[in-house]
Amino acid sequence: PKYKSRYDIYAKILKFCEVPRNIASIMEFCSLSGTTVYKHVTFLSDRGLLSKIEAPSLRKPLLMTTLKGLTYLKYYEKLRKLVGNGLGQTEQ
């Protein structure tokens, strides 16, 4: 579906970031604008689901899913199996 719920988007970002990723690659993978990705990444980071990896060798920090984020994915998958894909197709 074209429109996905924010929970679907969170899960997509968290699954993609199981391997450290930069913002540009998240934008491309999720087909979202920079503003939208920053909004979702900030939400996930503020709640401890994503962490920033910074190193002198990196121009920009990478983002990686935390253990709490992996727990979110586990519950998301259980809920998705229970109610089907698209847990609420109202938001982009």
Protein backbone atom coordinates (compact mmCIF):
# COMPACT_ATOMS: atom_id res chain seq x y z
CA PRO A 1 0.00 0.00 0.00
CA LYS A 2 1.08 3.53 -0.72
CA TYR A 3 0.24 4.87 2.73
CA LYS A 4 1.53 3.07 5.77
CA SER A 5 0.97 3.71 9.42
CA ARG A 6 3.73 5.27 11.47
CA TYR A 7 4.15 1.89 13.18
CA ASP A 8 4.88 0.25 9.82
CA ILE A 9 7.40 3.00 9.05
CA TYR A 10 9.04 2.61 12.48
CA ALA A 11 9.38 -1.13 11.88
CA LYS A 12 10.84 -0.60 8.40
CA ILE A 13 13.43 1.85 9.75
CA LEU A 14 14.33 -0.37 12.70
CA LYS A 15 14.64 -3.49 10.53
CA PHE A 16 16.85 -1.63 8.03
CA CYS A 17 19.04 -0.24 10.82
CA GLU A 18 19.88 -3.63 12.30
CA VAL A 19 23.05 -2.87 10.36
CA PRO A 20 24.35 0.69 10.97
CA ARG A 21 22.97 3.10 8.35
CA ASN A 22 23.18 6.78 7.50
CA ILE A 23 20.18 9.09 7.10
CA ALA A 24 20.46 9.20 3.31
CA SER A 25 20.26 5.43 2.98
CA ILE A 26 17.24 5.34 5.33
CA MET A 27 15.53 8.01 3.20
CA GLU A 28 16.17 6.03 0.03
CA PHE A 29 15.18 2.66 1.49
CA CYS A 30 11.94 3.97 2.98
CA SER A 31 11.13 6.30 0.06
CA LEU A 32 10.53 9.18 2.45
CA SER A 33 11.51 12.85 2.42
CA GLY A 34 14.31 14.11 4.61
CA THR A 35 11.89 15.94 6.88
CA THR A 36 9.77 12.83 7.40
CA VAL A 37 12.77 10.58 8.04
CA TYR A 38 14.25 13.05 10.55
CA LYS A 39 10.90 13.18 12.37
CA HIS A 40 10.70 9.39 12.64
CA VAL A 41 14.40 8.91 13.46
CA THR A 42 14.18 11.56 16.19
CA PHE A 43 11.11 9.87 17.66
CA LEU A 44 12.82 6.45 17.66
CA SER A 45 16.10 7.83 19.02
CA ASP A 46 14.40 9.81 21.80
CA ARG A 47 12.73 6.61 22.97
CA GLY A 48 15.89 4.50 22.88
CA LEU A 49 14.93 2.39 19.87
CA LEU A 50 17.75 3.75 17.68
CA SER A 51 21.23 4.81 18.72
CA LYS A 52 23.78 7.01 17.00
CA ILE A 53 27.21 5.64 16.22
CA GLU A 54 29.80 8.38 15.95
CA ALA A 55 33.45 7.93 15.08
CA PRO A 56 36.20 10.26 13.84
CA SER A 57 36.39 8.24 10.62
CA LEU A 58 32.71 8.86 9.86
CA ARG A 59 31.60 12.10 8.26
CA LYS A 60 28.12 11.73 9.73
CA PRO A 61 26.82 9.48 12.49
CA LEU A 62 25.27 6.15 11.65
CA LEU A 63 22.06 4.89 13.21
CA MET A 64 21.59 1.40 14.58
CA THR A 65 18.67 -0.42 16.14
CA THR A 66 19.05 -0.97 19.89
CA LEU A 67 17.94 -3.99 21.92
CA LYS A 68 14.80 -2.03 22.78
CA GLY A 69 14.25 -1.47 19.05
CA LEU A 70 14.62 -5.20 18.40
CA THR A 71 11.97 -5.80 21.06
CA TYR A 72 9.68 -3.37 19.20
CA LEU A 73 10.23 -5.39 16.01
CA LYS A 74 9.40 -8.63 17.79
CA TYR A 75 6.08 -7.26 19.07
CA TYR A 76 5.33 -5.52 15.79
CA GLU A 77 5.69 -8.84 13.93
CA LYS A 78 3.40 -10.59 16.44
CA LEU A 79 0.78 -7.88 16.06
CA ARG A 80 1.11 -7.88 12.27
CA LYS A 81 0.50 -11.64 12.21
CA LEU A 82 -2.55 -11.15 14.40
CA VAL A 83 -4.20 -8.30 12.46
CA GLY A 84 -2.51 -8.42 9.06
CA ASN A 85 -0.30 -6.00 7.16
CA GLY A 86 -0.80 -2.27 7.55
CA LEU A 87 -1.64 -1.70 11.18
CA GLY A 88 -3.51 1.46 10.26
CA GLN A 89 -3.11 2.86 6.78
CA THR A 90 -3.75 6.47 7.73
CA GLU A 91 -0.32 8.12 7.87
CA GLN A 92 2.58 8.46 5.52
